[in-house]
C-alpha atoms as a PDB file:
ATOM      1  CA  PRO A   1     -11.158  -5.500 -37.440  1.00  0.00           C
ATOM      2  CA  GLY A   2     -10.284  -7.501 -34.336  1.00  0.00           C
ATOM      3  CA  THR A   3     -11.336  -4.703 -32.005  1.00  0.00           C
ATOM      4  CA  VAL A   4     -14.575  -4.173 -33.901  1.00  0.00           C
ATOM      5  CA  GLY A   5     -15.258  -7.913 -33.815  1.00  0.00           C
ATOM      6  CA  ILE A   6     -14.729  -8.040 -30.065  1.00  0.00           C
ATOM      7  CA  ALA A   7     -16.889  -4.956 -29.528  1.00  0.00           C
ATOM      8  CA  LEU A   8     -19.707  -6.527 -31.545  1.00  0.00           C
ATOM      9  CA  GLY A   9     -19.352 -10.065 -30.202  1.00  0.00           C
ATOM     10  CA  LEU A  10     -18.723  -9.425 -26.499  1.00  0.00           C
ATOM     11  CA  PRO A  11     -22.306  -8.355 -25.690  1.00  0.00           C
ATOM     12  CA  PHE A  12     -23.602 -11.497 -27.423  1.00  0.00           C
ATOM     13  CA  PHE A  13     -21.245 -13.621 -25.347  1.00  0.00           C
ATOM     14  CA  LEU A  14     -21.867 -11.880 -22.029  1.00  0.00           C
ATOM     15  CA  LEU A  15     -25.643 -11.860 -22.457  1.00  0.00           C
ATOM     16  CA  SER A  16     -25.730 -15.422 -23.891  1.00  0.00           C
ATOM     17  CA  ILE A  17     -27.554 -14.208 -26.986  1.00  0.00           C
ATOM     18  CA  ARG A  18     -27.672 -16.698 -29.851  1.00  0.00           C
ATOM     19  CA  LEU A  19     -27.728 -15.457 -33.420  1.00  0.00           C
ATOM     20  CA  PRO A  20     -30.505 -16.778 -35.631  1.00  0.00           C
ATOM     21  CA  PRO A  21     -29.283 -19.644 -37.857  1.00  0.00           C
ATOM     22  CA  ILE A  22     -29.275 -17.473 -40.986  1.00  0.00           C
ATOM     23  CA  LEU A  23     -26.601 -15.286 -39.354  1.00  0.00           C
ATOM     24  CA  GLY A  24     -25.056 -17.780 -36.937  1.00  0.00           C
ATOM     25  CA  GLU A  25     -24.059 -20.366 -39.558  1.00  0.00           C
ATOM     26  CA  PRO A  26     -21.993 -17.950 -41.716  1.00  0.00           C
ATOM     27  CA  VAL A  27     -20.291 -16.576 -38.590  1.00  0.00           C
ATOM     28  CA  LYS A  28     -19.473 -20.142 -37.487  1.00  0.00           C
ATOM     29  CA  MET A  29     -18.104 -20.960 -40.953  1.00  0.00           C
ATOM     30  CA  MET A  30     -15.858 -17.889 -40.866  1.00  0.00           C
ATOM     31  CA  ALA A  31     -14.650 -18.811 -37.374  1.00  0.00           C
ATOM     32  CA  ASP A  32     -13.867 -22.348 -38.545  1.00  0.00           C
ATOM     33  CA  VAL A  33     -11.494 -21.095 -41.283  1.00  0.00           C
ATOM     34  CA  ASN A  34      -9.735 -18.555 -39.068  1.00  0.00           C
ATOM     35  CA  THR A  35      -6.814 -20.762 -37.961  1.00  0.00           C
ATOM     36  CA  PRO A  36      -6.366 -22.655 -41.258  1.00  0.00           C
ATOM     37  CA  LEU A  37      -6.273 -19.358 -43.153  1.00  0.00           C
ATOM     38  CA  ALA A  38      -3.561 -18.015 -40.862  1.00  0.00           C
ATOM     39  CA  MET A  39      -1.549 -21.220 -41.359  1.00  0.00           C
ATOM     40  CA  ILE A  40      -1.890 -20.967 -45.145  1.00  0.00           C
ATOM     41  CA  VAL A  41      -0.647 -17.367 -45.123  1.00  0.00           C
ATOM     42  CA  ILE A  42       2.313 -18.105 -42.847  1.00  0.00           C
ATOM     43  CA  GLY A  43       3.117 -21.237 -44.865  1.00  0.00           C
ATOM     44  CA  TRP A  44       3.176 -19.249 -48.087  1.00  0.00           C
ATOM     45  CA  TYR A  45       5.635 -16.758 -46.609  1.00  0.00           C
ATOM     46  CA  LEU A  46       7.612 -19.526 -44.915  1.00  0.00           C
ATOM     47  CA  ALA A  47       8.166 -21.260 -48.249  1.00  0.00           C
ATOM     48  CA  ARG A  48       9.702 -18.061 -49.615  1.00  0.00           C
ATOM     49  CA  ALA A  49      11.615 -17.044 -46.474  1.00  0.00           C
ATOM     50  CA  ASP A  50      15.351 -16.465 -46.321  1.00  0.00           C
ATOM     51  CA  PHE A  51      16.337 -17.334 -42.742  1.00  0.00           C
ATOM     52  CA  ARG A  52      19.828 -15.890 -43.166  1.00  0.00           C
ATOM     53  CA  LEU A  53      18.234 -12.449 -42.709  1.00  0.00           C
ATOM     54  CA  VAL A  54      16.875 -13.404 -39.295  1.00  0.00           C
ATOM     55  CA  ARG A  55      20.130 -14.859 -37.974  1.00  0.00           C
ATOM     56  CA  HIS A  56      21.725 -11.416 -38.052  1.00  0.00           C
ATOM     57  CA  CYS A  57      18.739  -9.479 -36.718  1.00  0.00           C
ATOM     58  CA  ALA A  58      19.242  -8.482 -33.085  1.00  0.00           C
ATOM     59  CA  ALA A  59      15.594  -7.402 -32.835  1.00  0.00           C
ATOM     60  CA  ALA A  60      14.488 -10.970 -33.627  1.00  0.00           C
ATOM     61  CA  TYR A  61      16.559 -12.327 -30.738  1.00  0.00           C
ATOM     62  CA  LEU A  62      15.296  -9.624 -28.383  1.00  0.00           C
ATOM     63  CA  THR A  63      11.687 -10.230 -29.447  1.00  0.00           C
ATOM     64  CA  SER A  64      12.029 -13.976 -28.937  1.00  0.00           C
ATOM     65  CA  THR A  65      13.577 -13.562 -25.486  1.00  0.00           C
ATOM     66  CA  LEU A  66      10.957 -11.073 -24.365  1.00  0.00           C
ATOM     67  CA  ARG A  67       8.077 -13.152 -25.739  1.00  0.00           C
ATOM     68  CA  LEU A  68       9.190 -16.585 -24.571  1.00  0.00           C
ATOM     69  CA  VAL A  69      10.980 -15.868 -21.284  1.00  0.00           C
ATOM     70  CA  VAL A  70      10.365 -12.406 -19.856  1.00  0.00           C
ATOM     71  CA  LEU A  71       6.632 -12.021 -20.585  1.00  0.00           C
ATOM     72  CA  PRO A  72       5.630 -15.457 -19.214  1.00  0.00           C
ATOM     73  CA  LEU A  73       7.627 -14.885 -16.028  1.00  0.00           C
ATOM     74  CA  VAL A  74       6.093 -11.433 -15.531  1.00  0.00           C
ATOM     75  CA  VAL A  75       2.609 -12.885 -16.084  1.00  0.00           C
ATOM     76  CA  LEU A  76       3.392 -15.738 -13.675  1.00  0.00           C
ATOM     77  CA  ALA A  77       4.509 -13.241 -11.029  1.00  0.00           C
ATOM     78  CA  GLY A  78       1.327 -11.244 -11.602  1.00  0.00           C
ATOM     79  CA  MET A  79      -0.876 -14.339 -11.324  1.00  0.00           C
ATOM     80  CA  PHE A  80       0.953 -15.397  -8.155  1.00  0.00           C
ATOM     81  CA  ALA A  81       0.424 -11.962  -6.615  1.00  0.00           C
ATOM     82  CA  LEU A  82      -3.223 -11.943  -7.689  1.00  0.00           C
ATOM     83  CA  CYS A  83      -3.833 -15.388  -6.182  1.00  0.00           C
ATOM     84  CA  ARG A  84      -2.205 -14.268  -2.913  1.00  0.00           C
ATOM     85  CA  LEU A  85      -4.191 -11.027  -2.849  1.00  0.00           C
ATOM     86  CA  ILE A  86      -7.521 -12.603  -3.791  1.00  0.00           C
ATOM     87  CA  PRO A  87      -7.602 -16.236  -2.630  1.00  0.00           C
ATOM     88  CA  SER A  88     -10.862 -16.923  -4.500  1.00  0.00           C
ATOM     89  CA  VAL A  89      -9.147 -16.485  -7.899  1.00  0.00           C
ATOM     90  CA  ASP A  90      -9.488 -19.678  -9.928  1.00  0.00           C
ATOM     91  CA  ARG A  91      -6.030 -21.296  -9.996  1.00  0.00           C
ATOM     92  CA  ILE A  92      -6.807 -23.191 -13.209  1.00  0.00           C
ATOM     93  CA  MET A  93      -7.611 -19.910 -14.965  1.00  0.00           C
ATOM     94  CA  ALA A  94      -4.391 -18.361 -13.616  1.00  0.00           C
ATOM     95  CA  LYS A  95      -2.393 -21.326 -14.976  1.00  0.00           C
ATOM     96  CA  ALA A  96      -4.154 -21.060 -18.343  1.00  0.00           C
ATOM     97  CA  ILE A  97      -3.209 -17.381 -18.565  1.00  0.00           C
ATOM     98  CA  VAL A  98       0.448 -18.223 -17.906  1.00  0.00           C
ATOM     99  CA  ILE A  99       0.343 -20.954 -20.565  1.00  0.00           C
ATOM    100  CA  ALA A 100      -1.149 -18.514 -23.085  1.00  0.00           C
ATOM    101  CA  ALA A 101       1.531 -15.950 -22.226  1.00  0.00           C
ATOM    102  CA  SER A 102       4.290 -18.487 -22.843  1.00  0.00           C
ATOM    103  CA  ALA A 103       3.014 -19.483 -26.286  1.00  0.00           C
ATOM    104  CA  PRO A 104       5.018 -18.516 -29.401  1.00  0.00           C
ATOM    105  CA  VAL A 105       4.448 -15.418 -31.510  1.00  0.00           C
ATOM    106  CA  ALA A 106       1.251 -15.670 -33.541  1.00  0.00           C
ATOM    107  CA  ALA A 107       1.105 -16.023 -37.299  1.00  0.00           C
ATOM    108  CA  LEU A 108      -0.814 -12.738 -37.251  1.00  0.00           C
ATOM    109  CA  THR A 109       2.605 -11.084 -36.940  1.00  0.00           C
ATOM    110  CA  THR A 110       3.444 -12.079 -40.507  1.00  0.00           C
ATOM    111  CA  MET A 111       0.024 -11.139 -41.826  1.00  0.00           C
ATOM    112  CA  LEU A 112       0.314  -7.673 -40.273  1.00  0.00           C
ATOM    113  CA  ALA A 113       3.881  -7.262 -41.548  1.00  0.00           C
ATOM    114  CA  ALA A 114       2.673  -8.108 -45.066  1.00  0.00           C
ATOM    115  CA  ARG A 115      -0.387  -5.873 -44.791  1.00  0.00           C
ATOM    116  CA  TYR A 116       1.592  -2.841 -43.636  1.00  0.00           C
ATOM    117  CA  GLU A 117       4.571  -3.537 -45.907  1.00  0.00           C
ATOM    118  CA  ARG A 118       7.065  -4.141 -43.110  1.00  0.00           C
ATOM    119  CA  ASP A 119       9.887  -6.686 -42.870  1.00  0.00           C
ATOM    120  CA  VAL A 120       8.008  -9.877 -43.749  1.00  0.00           C
ATOM    121  CA  PRO A 121      11.071 -12.184 -43.864  1.00  0.00           C
ATOM    122  CA  VAL A 122      12.056 -11.209 -40.330  1.00  0.00           C
ATOM    123  CA  SER A 123       8.472 -11.658 -39.104  1.00  0.00           C
ATOM    124  CA  VAL A 124       8.387 -15.145 -40.660  1.00  0.00           C
ATOM    125  CA  GLY A 125      11.676 -15.941 -38.964  1.00  0.00           C
ATOM    126  CA  VAL A 126      10.419 -14.711 -35.601  1.00  0.00           C
ATOM    127  CA  VAL A 127       7.184 -16.716 -35.887  1.00  0.00           C
ATOM    128  CA  THR A 128       9.049 -19.853 -36.928  1.00  0.00           C
ATOM    129  CA  GLY A 129      11.896 -19.362 -34.464  1.00  0.00           C
ATOM    130  CA  THR A 130       9.648 -18.719 -31.482  1.00  0.00           C
ATOM    131  CA  THR A 131       7.554 -21.738 -32.410  1.00  0.00           C
ATOM    132  CA  PHE A 132      10.623 -23.981 -32.333  1.00  0.00           C
ATOM    133  CA  LEU A 133      12.082 -22.325 -29.222  1.00  0.00           C
ATOM    134  CA  SER A 134       8.788 -22.566 -27.350  1.00  0.00           C
ATOM    135  CA  ALA A 135       9.312 -26.328 -27.225  1.00  0.00           C
ATOM    136  CA  ILE A 136      12.293 -25.547 -24.978  1.00  0.00           C
ATOM    137  CA  THR A 137      10.928 -22.592 -22.998  1.00  0.00           C
ATOM    138  CA  MET A 138       7.310 -23.623 -22.380  1.00  0.00           C
ATOM    139  CA  PRO A 139       7.890 -26.785 -20.308  1.00  0.00           C
ATOM    140  CA  PRO A 140       9.911 -25.041 -17.559  1.00  0.00           C
ATOM    141  CA  VAL A 141       7.553 -22.054 -17.456  1.00  0.00           C
ATOM    142  CA  VAL A 142       4.443 -24.236 -17.328  1.00  0.00           C
ATOM    143  CA  GLY A 143       6.073 -26.517 -14.748  1.00  0.00           C
ATOM    144  CA  LEU A 144       6.945 -23.508 -12.620  1.00  0.00           C
ATOM    145  CA  ALA A 145       3.375 -22.232 -12.956  1.00  0.00           C
ATOM    146  CA  LEU A 146       1.958 -25.613 -11.919  1.00  0.00           C
ATOM    147  CA  TRP A 147       4.233 -25.645  -8.885  1.00  0.00           C
ATOM    148  CA  ILE A 148       3.793 -22.016  -7.806  1.00  0.00           C
ATOM    149  CA  LEU A 149       0.062 -21.788  -8.509  1.00  0.00           C
ATOM    150  CA  ALA A 150      -0.797 -25.187  -6.994  1.00  0.00           C
END
């Protein structure tokens, strides 16, 4: 659904085409409930989660490390190289990309785990854990990005 949505919406965005109000208003309403709906779903699973399962899951620790430390540093290195290669690259955009890369795992992880009948408790733990840990990992990564991409 996400890929189809992007494929349908990208031409409208790139060509600055506005939908007529009869179509545009429902699309805007659906977009407005996107984040709250994700938070409701993750909250429902969070209320039923057993975090003892996550504490003993090596994959959860590996996922958190890769997502919060390795990926942002790789993206930062890539943005640095890109800015050196092409000096006209917008530094603010490069910093924004690094910030997005250092953000915690999305609640979509839990929704997909539930949809495809995978390990929902571990996905809830990873989403929650990376959200808490991102308060520790994001400031140094963002600070480094601000310094390197100045």
